[in-house]
Amino acid sequence: MATATIVAALIAFFGSALSTLAGILISSKLTTYRIEQLEKKVDKHNQVIERVYRLEQWQKDVQNGKEI
């Protein structure tokens, strides 16, 4: 009787451990994916900021009559 209880407890333990590890792996993959997507958005934003900066510099040069 005690052996059956121990076996059942071990099965429950390994089942819980396995599902916990699976949850951690899935969560890690999702976090990595979301960070990559956010990095892409930041890159696009930075490109826009750089372009606006260049346009502002060009506008200043034009207003001051400088050669481009």
N, C-alpha and C. Protein backbone atom coordinates (compact mmCIF):
# COMPACT_ATOMS: atom_id res chain seq x y z
N MET A 1 0.82 -1.20 0.00
CA MET A 1 0.00 0.00 0.00
C MET A 1 0.86 1.26 0.00
N ALA A 2 1.90 1.27 0.83
CA ALA A 2 2.78 2.42 0.90
C ALA A 2 3.54 2.59 -0.41
N THR A 3 3.89 1.50 -1.07
CA THR A 3 4.60 1.57 -2.35
C THR A 3 3.75 2.26 -3.40
N ALA A 4 2.47 1.93 -3.45
CA ALA A 4 1.57 2.55 -4.42
C ALA A 4 1.45 4.05 -4.16
N THR A 5 1.42 4.44 -2.91
CA THR A 5 1.33 5.85 -2.56
C THR A 5 2.60 6.59 -2.98
N ILE A 6 3.74 5.97 -2.74
CA ILE A 6 5.02 6.58 -3.12
C ILE A 6 5.12 6.71 -4.63
N VAL A 7 4.72 5.69 -5.35
CA VAL A 7 4.74 5.73 -6.82
C VAL A 7 3.82 6.83 -7.33
N ALA A 8 2.62 6.93 -6.76
CA ALA A 8 1.67 7.97 -7.17
C ALA A 8 2.26 9.36 -6.89
N ALA A 9 2.90 9.52 -5.74
CA ALA A 9 3.51 10.81 -5.39
C ALA A 9 4.65 11.14 -6.35
N LEU A 10 5.45 10.16 -6.71
CA LEU A 10 6.55 10.40 -7.65
C LEU A 10 6.03 10.78 -9.03
N ILE A 11 4.99 10.09 -9.46
CA ILE A 11 4.39 10.42 -10.76
C ILE A 11 3.85 11.85 -10.74
N ALA A 12 3.18 12.22 -9.66
CA ALA A 12 2.64 13.58 -9.54
C ALA A 12 3.78 14.60 -9.52
N PHE A 13 4.84 14.28 -8.79
CA PHE A 13 5.98 15.19 -8.72
C PHE A 13 6.61 15.41 -10.08
N PHE A 14 6.89 14.32 -10.80
CA PHE A 14 7.52 14.46 -12.11
C PHE A 14 6.59 15.14 -13.11
N GLY A 15 5.30 14.88 -13.00
CA GLY A 15 4.34 15.58 -13.87
C GLY A 15 4.34 17.07 -13.61
N SER A 16 4.36 17.45 -12.35
CA SER A 16 4.39 18.87 -12.00
C SER A 16 5.70 19.51 -12.44
N ALA A 17 6.80 18.83 -12.21
CA ALA A 17 8.11 19.36 -12.60
C ALA A 17 8.19 19.55 -14.11
N LEU A 18 7.71 18.56 -14.86
CA LEU A 18 7.75 18.64 -16.32
C LEU A 18 6.90 19.79 -16.83
N SER A 19 5.70 19.93 -16.31
CA SER A 19 4.83 21.02 -16.79
C SER A 19 5.37 22.38 -16.37
N THR A 20 6.01 22.47 -15.22
CA THR A 20 6.62 23.73 -14.80
C THR A 20 7.76 24.11 -15.75
N LEU A 21 8.62 23.16 -16.07
CA LEU A 21 9.72 23.44 -16.99
C LEU A 21 9.20 23.82 -18.38
N ALA A 22 8.16 23.14 -18.83
CA ALA A 22 7.58 23.47 -20.14
C ALA A 22 7.03 24.89 -20.11
N GLY A 23 6.37 25.27 -19.04
CA GLY A 23 5.84 26.63 -18.92
C GLY A 23 6.94 27.67 -18.92
N ILE A 24 8.03 27.38 -18.24
CA ILE A 24 9.16 28.31 -18.21
C ILE A 24 9.76 28.47 -19.61
N LEU A 25 9.93 27.37 -20.33
CA LEU A 25 10.51 27.43 -21.68
C LEU A 25 9.61 28.23 -22.63
N ILE A 26 8.31 27.98 -22.56
CA ILE A 26 7.38 28.68 -23.44
C ILE A 26 7.36 30.17 -23.11
N SER A 27 7.36 30.48 -21.83
CA SER A 27 7.38 31.88 -21.41
C SER A 27 8.65 32.57 -21.87
N SER A 28 9.77 31.88 -21.79
CA SER A 28 11.05 32.45 -22.22
C SER A 28 11.04 32.72 -23.72
N LYS A 29 10.52 31.78 -24.50
CA LYS A 29 10.45 31.98 -25.94
C LYS A 29 9.56 33.15 -26.30
N LEU A 30 8.43 33.28 -25.61
CA LEU A 30 7.52 34.38 -25.87
C LEU A 30 8.17 35.72 -25.52
N THR A 31 8.86 35.77 -24.41
CA THR A 31 9.55 36.99 -24.01
C THR A 31 10.61 37.38 -25.02
N THR A 32 11.38 36.40 -25.49
CA THR A 32 12.40 36.66 -26.50
C THR A 32 11.78 37.20 -27.78
N TYR A 33 10.69 36.60 -28.21
CA TYR A 33 10.00 37.04 -29.42
C TYR A 33 9.52 38.48 -29.27
N ARG A 34 8.91 38.79 -28.12
CA ARG A 34 8.38 40.13 -27.90
C ARG A 34 9.51 41.16 -27.85
N ILE A 35 10.64 40.81 -27.26
CA ILE A 35 11.78 41.73 -27.23
C ILE A 35 12.30 41.99 -28.64
N GLU A 36 12.37 40.94 -29.46
CA GLU A 36 12.82 41.12 -30.85
C GLU A 36 11.89 42.05 -31.61
N GLN A 37 10.58 41.89 -31.42
CA GLN A 37 9.63 42.75 -32.10
C GLN A 37 9.77 44.19 -31.63
N LEU A 38 9.98 44.38 -30.35
CA LEU A 38 10.17 45.72 -29.80
C LEU A 38 11.45 46.35 -30.34
N GLU A 39 12.51 45.57 -30.48
CA GLU A 39 13.76 46.08 -31.04
C GLU A 39 13.56 46.54 -32.48
N LYS A 40 12.76 45.82 -33.25
CA LYS A 40 12.47 46.23 -34.63
C LYS A 40 11.75 47.58 -34.64
N LYS A 41 10.78 47.74 -33.74
CA LYS A 41 10.05 49.01 -33.68
C LYS A 41 10.98 50.15 -33.27
N VAL A 42 11.86 49.90 -32.33
CA VAL A 42 12.81 50.93 -31.90
C VAL A 42 13.74 51.31 -33.04
N ASP A 43 14.19 50.33 -33.82
CA ASP A 43 15.05 50.62 -34.97
C ASP A 43 14.33 51.52 -35.98
N LYS A 44 13.07 51.20 -36.26
CA LYS A 44 12.30 52.03 -37.19
C LYS A 44 12.16 53.45 -36.65
N HIS A 45 11.87 53.56 -35.37
CA HIS A 45 11.73 54.87 -34.74
C HIS A 45 13.03 55.65 -34.85
N ASN A 46 14.14 55.01 -34.56
CA ASN A 46 15.44 55.68 -34.61
C ASN A 46 15.76 56.14 -36.03
N GLN A 47 15.37 55.36 -37.02
CA GLN A 47 15.60 55.77 -38.40
C GLN A 47 14.82 57.03 -38.72
N VAL A 48 13.59 57.10 -38.24
CA VAL A 48 12.77 58.29 -38.48
C VAL A 48 13.40 59.50 -37.79
N ILE A 49 13.85 59.33 -36.56
CA ILE A 49 14.48 60.43 -35.83
C ILE A 49 15.72 60.92 -36.59
N GLU A 50 16.52 60.00 -37.09
CA GLU A 50 17.72 60.40 -37.84
C GLU A 50 17.35 61.16 -39.11
N ARG A 51 16.31 60.69 -39.80
CA ARG A 51 15.90 61.37 -41.02
C ARG A 51 15.38 62.77 -40.72
N VAL A 52 14.61 62.91 -39.65
CA VAL A 52 14.10 64.22 -39.27
C VAL A 52 15.26 65.14 -38.91
N TYR A 53 16.23 64.64 -38.20
CA TYR A 53 17.40 65.45 -37.85
C TYR A 53 18.11 65.95 -39.11
N ARG A 54 18.32 65.05 -40.07
CA ARG A 54 18.98 65.44 -41.31
C ARG A 54 18.16 66.49 -42.07
N LEU A 55 16.84 66.31 -42.08
CA LEU A 55 15.98 67.29 -42.75
C LEU A 55 16.04 68.65 -42.06
N GLU A 56 16.08 68.64 -40.73
CA GLU A 56 16.18 69.90 -40.00
C GLU A 56 17.50 70.59 -40.30
N GLN A 57 18.58 69.83 -40.38
CA GLN A 57 19.88 70.41 -40.71
C GLN A 57 19.87 70.97 -42.13
N TRP A 58 19.28 70.23 -43.03
CA TRP A 58 19.18 70.69 -44.43
C TRP A 58 18.36 71.98 -44.49
N GLN A 59 17.26 72.04 -43.74
CA GLN A 59 16.41 73.23 -43.71
C GLN A 59 17.18 74.43 -43.17
N LYS A 60 17.96 74.23 -42.12
CA LYS A 60 18.78 75.32 -41.59
C LYS A 60 19.76 75.83 -42.63
N ASP A 61 20.40 74.89 -43.32
CA ASP A 61 21.37 75.25 -44.35
C ASP A 61 20.72 76.04 -45.47
N VAL A 62 19.54 75.61 -45.88
CA VAL A 62 18.82 76.31 -46.96
C VAL A 62 18.43 77.70 -46.51
N GLN A 63 17.94 77.81 -45.28
CA GLN A 63 17.52 79.11 -44.77
C GLN A 63 18.70 80.07 -44.61
N ASN A 64 19.86 79.53 -44.30
CA ASN A 64 21.04 80.37 -44.13
C ASN A 64 21.80 80.58 -45.44
N GLY A 65 21.33 80.00 -46.53
CA GLY A 65 21.93 80.18 -47.83
C GLY A 65 23.22 79.42 -48.03
N LYS A 66 23.41 78.34 -47.30
CA LYS A 66 24.64 77.56 -47.46
C LYS A 66 24.48 76.62 -48.63
N GLU A 67 25.64 76.28 -49.22
CA GLU A 67 25.66 75.28 -50.29
C GLU A 67 25.49 73.90 -49.69
N ILE A 68 24.81 73.05 -50.40
CA ILE A 68 24.58 71.69 -49.92
C ILE A 68 25.51 70.73 -50.59
